[in-house]
Amino acid sequence: MADVKIEPSWKVVLEEEFNKPYFETLAAFLKEEKAKHTVIYPPGSLIFQAFNMTPFDRVKVVVLGQDPYHNPGEAMGLCFSVPKGIRIPPSLQNIYKELQNDAGVSIPSHGDLSRWAENGVFLLNAMLTVEKNKPGSHQSIGWQLFTDRVIQLLSEKRQGLVFLLWGNFARKKAGLIDASRHLILEAAHPSPLAKGAFFGCKHFSKANAYLQSQGKSPVDWQLE
């Protein structure tokens, strides 16, 4: 799988992973689905968008989502993010509310988190693809082997990162991270189903305080 189109620094770090049998199988599965005209989100050019927008050496904060949005026009390769012009999903609305209360950031009129990605926030979904209208449909095709390794490599090869683990699914990934080298912040999922348990976590200000303690510049959370 040397032909994977991904940002150069990530390509070097992940080269071994792309050549493992499970990744070859994963890639073959996606090609077969495409040949059957199965609609898969996000579009092929955006599957590695989180990597392409946040090079390995520029990652400061990692946000872990589960799988891409499965409705037309929503998935853009960045967890929790939707393109401008698309209705802001409920979980992201709650993220914005916490951001405003915690860091005084004004709530934006759109759900496009590209600016965060450009500022060092690695917006990683555990699964990088999903079939249209079938949430969780690609949960068992190998993506988690890949993204678990991504988390491990960030933990092993970088120092002083912040990992934001929201919800039970993300929190289970804490074991992949060296807590002596990085800050792990856990909270309830921002989904309305959590009945507001996410609110008050103050993860945005805590992340920036930690980054500054590590001699790094804080994240500018403002999106507009």
Protein backbone atom coordinates (compact mmCIF):
# COMPACT_ATOMS: atom_id res chain seq x y z
CA MET A 1 0.00 0.00 0.00
CA ALA A 2 2.86 2.38 -0.75
CA ASP A 3 0.45 4.37 -2.94
CA VAL A 4 -1.53 5.75 0.06
CA LYS A 5 -1.89 9.50 -0.43
CA ILE A 6 -1.12 11.01 2.96
CA GLU A 7 0.91 13.94 4.29
CA PRO A 8 4.66 13.14 4.01
CA SER A 9 5.56 13.16 7.74
CA TRP A 10 2.72 10.76 8.50
CA LYS A 11 3.68 8.56 5.54
CA VAL A 12 7.14 8.06 7.06
CA VAL A 13 5.78 7.31 10.54
CA LEU A 14 3.10 4.93 9.26
CA GLU A 15 5.00 3.24 6.43
CA GLU A 16 5.24 -0.11 8.25
CA GLU A 17 1.53 -0.02 9.06
CA PHE A 18 0.51 0.55 5.44
CA ASN A 19 2.41 -2.59 4.44
CA LYS A 20 0.86 -4.91 7.03
CA PRO A 21 -1.57 -7.61 5.83
CA TYR A 22 -4.57 -6.18 7.71
CA PHE A 23 -4.17 -2.83 5.94
CA GLU A 24 -3.92 -4.53 2.57
CA THR A 25 -7.17 -6.37 3.40
CA LEU A 26 -8.82 -3.13 4.54
CA ALA A 27 -7.84 -1.33 1.33
CA ALA A 28 -9.07 -4.26 -0.79
CA PHE A 29 -12.42 -4.22 1.04
CA LEU A 30 -12.92 -0.51 0.32
CA LYS A 31 -12.03 -1.02 -3.36
CA GLU A 32 -14.53 -3.88 -3.63
CA GLU A 33 -17.26 -1.78 -2.02
CA LYS A 34 -16.53 1.07 -4.41
CA ALA A 35 -16.71 -1.35 -7.36
CA LYS A 36 -20.17 -2.40 -6.13
CA HIS A 37 -21.14 1.32 -6.10
CA THR A 38 -21.62 1.27 -2.34
CA VAL A 39 -21.65 4.86 -1.07
CA ILE A 40 -18.92 5.36 1.51
CA TYR A 41 -18.19 8.50 3.53
CA PRO A 42 -16.09 10.56 3.53
CA PRO A 43 -15.05 10.72 -0.14
CA GLY A 44 -11.79 8.92 -0.88
CA SER A 45 -9.78 12.14 -1.08
CA LEU A 46 -10.83 13.03 2.49
CA ILE A 47 -10.28 9.69 4.26
CA PHE A 48 -6.89 10.88 5.57
CA GLN A 49 -7.86 14.55 5.90
CA ALA A 50 -7.05 14.70 9.63
CA PHE A 51 -3.50 13.54 8.84
CA ASN A 52 -3.15 15.85 5.83
CA MET A 53 -4.23 18.94 7.77
CA THR A 54 -2.17 18.24 10.92
CA PRO A 55 1.34 16.92 10.18
CA PHE A 56 2.84 14.53 12.73
CA ASP A 57 5.30 17.02 14.19
CA ARG A 58 2.64 19.74 14.53
CA VAL A 59 0.14 17.77 16.61
CA LYS A 60 -0.50 19.41 20.00
CA VAL A 61 -3.94 18.09 20.96
CA VAL A 62 -5.63 14.84 19.93
CA VAL A 63 -9.44 14.62 19.86
CA LEU A 64 -10.75 11.10 19.34
CA GLY A 65 -14.11 10.44 17.70
CA GLN A 66 -15.73 7.14 16.80
CA ASP A 67 -16.74 6.94 13.14
CA PRO A 68 -17.56 9.48 10.41
CA TYR A 69 -21.00 11.00 9.96
CA HIS A 70 -23.07 8.68 7.79
CA ASN A 71 -25.47 11.20 6.22
CA PRO A 72 -24.81 12.81 2.81
CA GLY A 73 -22.54 15.86 2.78
CA GLU A 74 -21.50 15.71 6.43
CA ALA A 75 -18.29 13.66 6.76
CA MET A 76 -15.12 15.60 5.92
CA GLY A 77 -12.39 13.45 7.48
CA LEU A 78 -12.17 15.41 10.76
CA CYS A 79 -14.00 14.06 13.81
CA PHE A 80 -17.01 16.12 14.96
CA SER A 81 -16.56 18.50 11.98
CA VAL A 82 -19.00 19.21 9.14
CA PRO A 83 -18.53 21.50 6.11
CA LYS A 84 -19.79 25.06 6.19
CA GLY A 85 -23.43 25.20 5.15
CA ILE A 86 -24.28 21.88 6.86
CA ARG A 87 -26.39 21.95 10.02
CA ILE A 88 -24.19 21.83 13.15
CA PRO A 89 -24.65 18.37 14.77
CA PRO A 90 -25.94 18.26 18.37
CA SER A 91 -22.65 16.97 19.84
CA LEU A 92 -20.73 19.79 18.21
CA GLN A 93 -23.27 22.32 19.47
CA ASN A 94 -22.50 21.09 22.98
CA ILE A 95 -18.75 21.28 22.34
CA TYR A 96 -19.24 24.90 21.32
CA LYS A 97 -21.25 25.65 24.48
CA GLU A 98 -18.49 24.24 26.69
CA LEU A 99 -15.88 26.11 24.67
CA GLN A 100 -17.73 29.38 25.23
CA ASN A 101 -18.21 28.76 28.96
CA ASP A 102 -14.66 27.52 29.48
CA ALA A 103 -12.54 29.69 27.21
CA GLY A 104 -14.85 32.58 26.33
CA VAL A 105 -14.79 31.67 22.65
CA SER A 106 -17.77 32.94 20.68
CA ILE A 107 -19.99 30.20 19.22
CA PRO A 108 -19.37 30.01 15.46
CA SER A 109 -22.08 29.94 12.81
CA HIS A 110 -20.71 26.78 11.17
CA GLY A 111 -19.36 23.34 12.08
CA ASP A 112 -16.11 23.35 10.10
CA LEU A 113 -13.21 22.60 12.47
CA SER A 114 -10.48 22.91 9.81
CA ARG A 115 -8.97 25.89 11.63
CA TRP A 116 -8.40 23.73 14.70
CA ALA A 117 -6.69 21.11 12.53
CA GLU A 118 -4.42 23.78 11.08
CA ASN A 119 -3.59 24.89 14.64
CA GLY A 120 -2.37 21.46 15.76
CA VAL A 121 -5.60 19.77 16.86
CA PHE A 122 -5.56 16.25 15.41
CA LEU A 123 -9.23 15.36 14.86
CA LEU A 124 -9.02 11.57 14.58
CA ASN A 125 -11.92 9.17 14.15
CA ALA A 126 -11.23 5.58 15.27
CA MET A 127 -12.87 4.41 12.04
CA LEU A 128 -11.97 6.46 8.98
CA THR A 129 -14.88 5.36 6.78
CA VAL A 130 -18.55 4.40 7.06
CA GLU A 131 -21.25 3.19 4.68
CA LYS A 132 -24.01 5.69 3.88
CA ASN A 133 -26.81 5.63 6.47
CA LYS A 134 -25.18 2.73 8.38
CA PRO A 135 -23.43 4.01 11.53
CA GLY A 136 -20.65 1.73 12.75
CA SER A 137 -20.71 -0.31 9.54
CA HIS A 138 -16.89 -0.23 9.17
CA GLN A 139 -16.12 -0.91 12.82
CA SER A 140 -14.64 -4.35 12.14
CA ILE A 141 -12.72 -3.93 8.88
CA GLY A 142 -9.36 -3.04 10.46
CA TRP A 143 -9.50 0.69 10.98
CA GLN A 144 -9.17 0.37 14.76
CA LEU A 145 -5.93 -1.60 14.40
CA PHE A 146 -4.64 1.30 12.34
CA THR A 147 -5.86 4.20 14.48
CA ASP A 148 -4.82 2.47 17.73
CA ARG A 149 -1.32 2.30 16.28
CA VAL A 150 -1.54 5.99 15.33
CA ILE A 151 -2.33 6.84 18.96
CA GLN A 152 0.52 4.64 20.20
CA LEU A 153 3.01 6.25 17.80
CA LEU A 154 2.01 9.74 18.91
CA SER A 155 2.46 8.63 22.51
CA GLU A 156 5.84 7.01 21.85
CA LYS A 157 7.43 9.51 19.48
CA ARG A 158 6.05 12.82 20.75
CA GLN A 159 6.21 14.50 24.14
CA GLY A 160 3.78 16.79 25.98
CA LEU A 161 0.60 16.23 23.94
CA VAL A 162 -2.96 16.52 25.23
CA PHE A 163 -5.39 13.67 24.52
CA LEU A 164 -9.09 14.55 24.85
CA LEU A 165 -11.11 11.37 25.40
CA TRP A 166 -14.85 12.07 25.36
CA GLY A 167 -17.28 9.23 26.05
CA ASN A 168 -16.77 5.59 26.99
CA PHE A 169 -15.52 4.53 23.55
CA ALA A 170 -12.73 7.12 23.52
CA ARG A 171 -11.87 6.60 27.18
CA LYS A 172 -11.04 2.96 26.48
CA LYS A 173 -8.10 4.20 24.41
CA ALA A 174 -6.36 5.70 27.46
CA GLY A 175 -4.31 2.51 27.85
CA LEU A 176 -2.57 3.23 24.54
CA ILE A 177 -1.14 6.50 25.90
CA ASP A 178 1.85 7.01 28.22
CA ALA A 179 0.42 9.24 30.96
CA SER A 180 3.94 10.08 32.16
CA ARG A 181 4.68 11.79 28.83
CA HIS A 182 1.31 13.33 28.00
CA LEU A 183 -1.84 14.80 29.54
CA ILE A 184 -4.96 12.62 29.25
CA LEU A 185 -8.26 14.42 29.87
CA GLU A 186 -11.43 12.33 30.08
CA ALA A 187 -15.07 13.42 30.10
CA ALA A 188 -18.55 12.26 29.19
CA HIS A 189 -19.45 12.40 25.50
CA PRO A 190 -20.75 15.79 24.31
CA SER A 191 -23.83 14.07 22.85
CA PRO A 192 -27.20 15.26 24.27
CA LEU A 193 -27.70 11.60 25.27
CA ALA A 194 -25.17 12.22 28.07
CA LYS A 195 -27.66 14.71 29.55
CA GLY A 196 -25.14 17.51 29.98
CA ALA A 197 -22.46 15.47 31.79
CA PHE A 198 -19.87 16.89 29.36
CA PHE A 199 -20.42 20.43 30.56
CA GLY A 200 -17.93 21.84 33.03
CA CYS A 201 -15.02 19.61 31.98
CA LYS A 202 -12.98 22.72 31.05
CA HIS A 203 -10.84 20.68 28.70
CA PHE A 204 -10.03 23.59 26.40
CA SER A 205 -8.48 25.79 29.08
CA LYS A 206 -6.81 22.79 30.75
CA ALA A 207 -5.27 21.76 27.42
CA ASN A 208 -3.81 25.20 26.83
CA ALA A 209 -2.49 25.52 30.39
CA TYR A 210 -0.68 22.20 29.96
CA LEU A 211 0.72 23.11 26.53
CA GLN A 212 2.10 26.34 27.94
CA SER A 213 3.64 24.42 30.87
CA GLN A 214 5.43 22.33 28.23
CA GLY A 215 6.79 25.43 26.48
CA LYS A 216 4.34 25.10 23.58
CA SER A 217 2.06 27.79 22.21
CA PRO A 218 -1.61 27.40 23.21
CA VAL A 219 -4.30 26.44 20.70
CA ASP A 220 -6.37 29.31 19.33
CA TRP A 221 -9.82 27.76 19.69
CA GLN A 222 -11.58 30.64 17.90
CA LEU A 223 -13.19 29.46 14.65
CA GLU A 224 -14.46 32.79 13.33
